[in-house]
Amino acid sequence: MKKNAFTLIELIAVIVILGILVVLIMPTFTDTLNRTKERLNESQKNEILKAARNWGMQKLSLESNKDINYVTIETLQDDGFLDDKEVKNLTNKQNINKETKICIRYKNNQYEYIFEGDPITGEGVCK
């Protein structure tokens, strides 16, 4: 009988060891992937807010417009301040509605730009 092949017990031992490694590594990998998606979402949100600031610098006058204003993602795209592509929430892979509003309000001698329904500030509507 030749002895240069693996036995069934050796193959099962290798499979068990690989399974244990996957179980140990998978939570770390998943956590890293989720944190990366959150950072990308935050980066995308900051780009939208930057586009809204640039839009506001061109469209709003400091003297004439001290009330609450809104600009939508669609307006930012149509006016060339934001790339004309689908904006996705990378966490749940759903498209963000182009009618999503960015609230622009004048407060403490400066403009503030806030997503309507912003989960970070907890504000639903600009007040």
Protein backbone atom coordinates (compact mmCIF):
# COMPACT_ATOMS: atom_id res chain seq x y z
CA MET A 1 0.00 0.00 0.00
CA LYS A 2 1.32 3.44 -0.98
CA LYS A 3 1.76 6.02 1.75
CA ASN A 4 1.99 9.23 -0.35
CA ALA A 5 -1.72 10.23 -0.14
CA PHE A 6 -3.60 12.08 2.62
CA THR A 7 -5.84 10.09 4.90
CA LEU A 8 -9.44 11.05 5.57
CA ILE A 9 -8.58 12.10 9.12
CA GLU A 10 -5.81 14.43 7.91
CA LEU A 11 -8.19 16.08 5.40
CA ILE A 12 -10.87 16.54 8.06
CA ALA A 13 -8.28 18.05 10.44
CA VAL A 14 -7.22 20.57 7.79
CA ILE A 15 -10.85 21.49 7.07
CA VAL A 16 -11.56 21.96 10.80
CA ILE A 17 -8.48 24.18 11.21
CA LEU A 18 -9.52 26.29 8.20
CA GLY A 19 -13.05 26.57 9.62
CA ILE A 20 -11.71 27.79 12.95
CA LEU A 21 -9.55 30.39 11.20
CA VAL A 22 -12.55 31.65 9.20
CA VAL A 23 -14.65 31.90 12.38
CA LEU A 24 -11.90 33.91 14.07
CA ILE A 25 -11.17 36.22 11.13
CA MET A 26 -14.70 36.85 9.79
CA PRO A 27 -15.97 39.21 12.57
CA THR A 28 -12.88 41.38 12.23
CA PHE A 29 -13.23 41.48 8.47
CA THR A 30 -16.96 42.29 8.68
CA ASP A 31 -16.36 45.04 11.24
CA THR A 32 -13.64 46.59 9.10
CA LEU A 33 -15.89 46.47 6.04
CA ASN A 34 -18.76 48.16 7.92
CA ARG A 35 -16.47 50.92 9.26
CA THR A 36 -15.18 51.52 5.74
CA LYS A 37 -18.73 51.84 4.40
CA GLU A 38 -19.59 54.31 7.17
CA ARG A 39 -16.49 56.40 6.37
CA LEU A 40 -17.37 56.39 2.67
CA ASN A 41 -20.93 57.47 3.47
CA GLU A 42 -19.59 60.29 5.64
CA SER A 43 -17.16 61.33 2.90
CA GLN A 44 -19.98 61.34 0.35
CA LYS A 45 -22.12 63.43 2.71
CA ASN A 46 -19.27 65.92 3.14
CA GLU A 47 -18.93 66.20 -0.65
CA ILE A 48 -22.65 66.94 -0.96
CA LEU A 49 -22.40 69.57 1.78
CA LYS A 50 -19.36 71.10 0.05
CA ALA A 51 -21.32 71.25 -3.21
CA ALA A 52 -24.19 72.93 -1.31
CA ARG A 53 -21.76 75.50 0.12
CA ASN A 54 -20.40 76.27 -3.34
CA TRP A 55 -23.96 76.51 -4.68
CA GLY A 56 -24.89 78.82 -1.78
CA MET A 57 -21.88 81.09 -2.39
CA GLN A 58 -23.05 81.64 -5.96
CA LYS A 59 -26.81 81.72 -5.42
CA LEU A 60 -27.34 83.30 -1.99
CA SER A 61 -26.57 86.83 -1.00
CA LEU A 62 -25.51 87.44 2.60
CA GLU A 63 -27.50 90.67 2.73
CA SER A 64 -30.73 89.59 1.05
CA ASN A 65 -31.31 86.06 2.21
CA LYS A 66 -31.26 85.41 5.94
CA ASP A 67 -34.19 83.01 6.07
CA ILE A 68 -34.16 79.24 5.72
CA ASN A 69 -33.47 77.89 2.24
CA TYR A 70 -33.22 74.42 0.74
CA VAL A 71 -31.29 72.95 -2.12
CA THR A 72 -31.83 69.43 -3.41
CA ILE A 73 -29.25 66.95 -4.65
CA GLU A 74 -30.92 67.14 -8.05
CA THR A 75 -30.43 70.92 -8.17
CA LEU A 76 -26.77 70.54 -7.25
CA GLN A 77 -26.36 68.01 -10.07
CA ASP A 78 -28.30 70.10 -12.60
CA ASP A 79 -26.23 73.20 -11.79
CA GLY A 80 -22.95 71.26 -12.12
CA PHE A 81 -21.90 71.37 -8.46
CA LEU A 82 -22.22 67.60 -8.03
CA ASP A 83 -21.51 64.70 -10.37
CA ASP A 84 -24.62 63.55 -12.22
CA LYS A 85 -24.72 59.98 -11.00
CA GLU A 86 -26.74 57.94 -8.57
CA VAL A 87 -26.00 58.75 -4.96
CA LYS A 88 -26.10 55.54 -2.91
CA ASN A 89 -26.14 54.77 0.75
CA LEU A 90 -23.28 52.27 0.88
CA THR A 91 -24.54 50.66 4.07
CA ASN A 92 -27.82 49.41 2.65
CA LYS A 93 -27.00 49.89 -1.08
CA GLN A 94 -30.16 51.91 -1.73
CA ASN A 95 -30.23 55.04 -3.86
CA ILE A 96 -30.56 58.30 -1.99
CA ASN A 97 -33.50 60.26 -3.35
CA LYS A 98 -32.44 63.15 -5.57
CA GLU A 99 -35.10 65.24 -3.84
CA THR A 100 -33.19 64.99 -0.56
CA LYS A 101 -32.88 68.51 0.77
CA ILE A 102 -29.94 70.27 2.29
CA CYS A 103 -31.10 72.97 4.66
CA ILE A 104 -29.29 76.29 4.38
CA ARG A 105 -29.85 78.69 7.23
CA TYR A 106 -28.20 81.87 8.39
CA LYS A 107 -27.17 81.63 12.03
CA ASN A 108 -24.52 83.42 14.11
CA ASN A 109 -23.42 85.51 11.11
CA GLN A 110 -22.73 82.52 8.89
CA TYR A 111 -24.56 79.98 6.80
CA GLU A 112 -25.07 76.44 8.10
CA TYR A 113 -25.63 73.48 5.79
CA ILE A 114 -27.51 70.51 7.26
CA PHE A 115 -29.05 67.44 5.69
CA GLU A 116 -32.77 67.33 6.31
CA GLY A 117 -33.25 64.47 8.75
CA ASP A 118 -29.57 64.47 9.65
CA PRO A 119 -28.90 61.55 12.03
CA ILE A 120 -25.77 63.19 13.44
CA THR A 121 -27.34 66.45 14.59
CA GLY A 122 -30.75 64.90 15.21
CA GLU A 123 -32.47 67.73 13.39
CA GLY A 124 -35.34 66.76 11.13
CA VAL A 125 -36.13 70.18 9.73
CA CYS A 126 -34.14 73.38 9.79
CA LYS A 127 -35.54 75.63 12.51
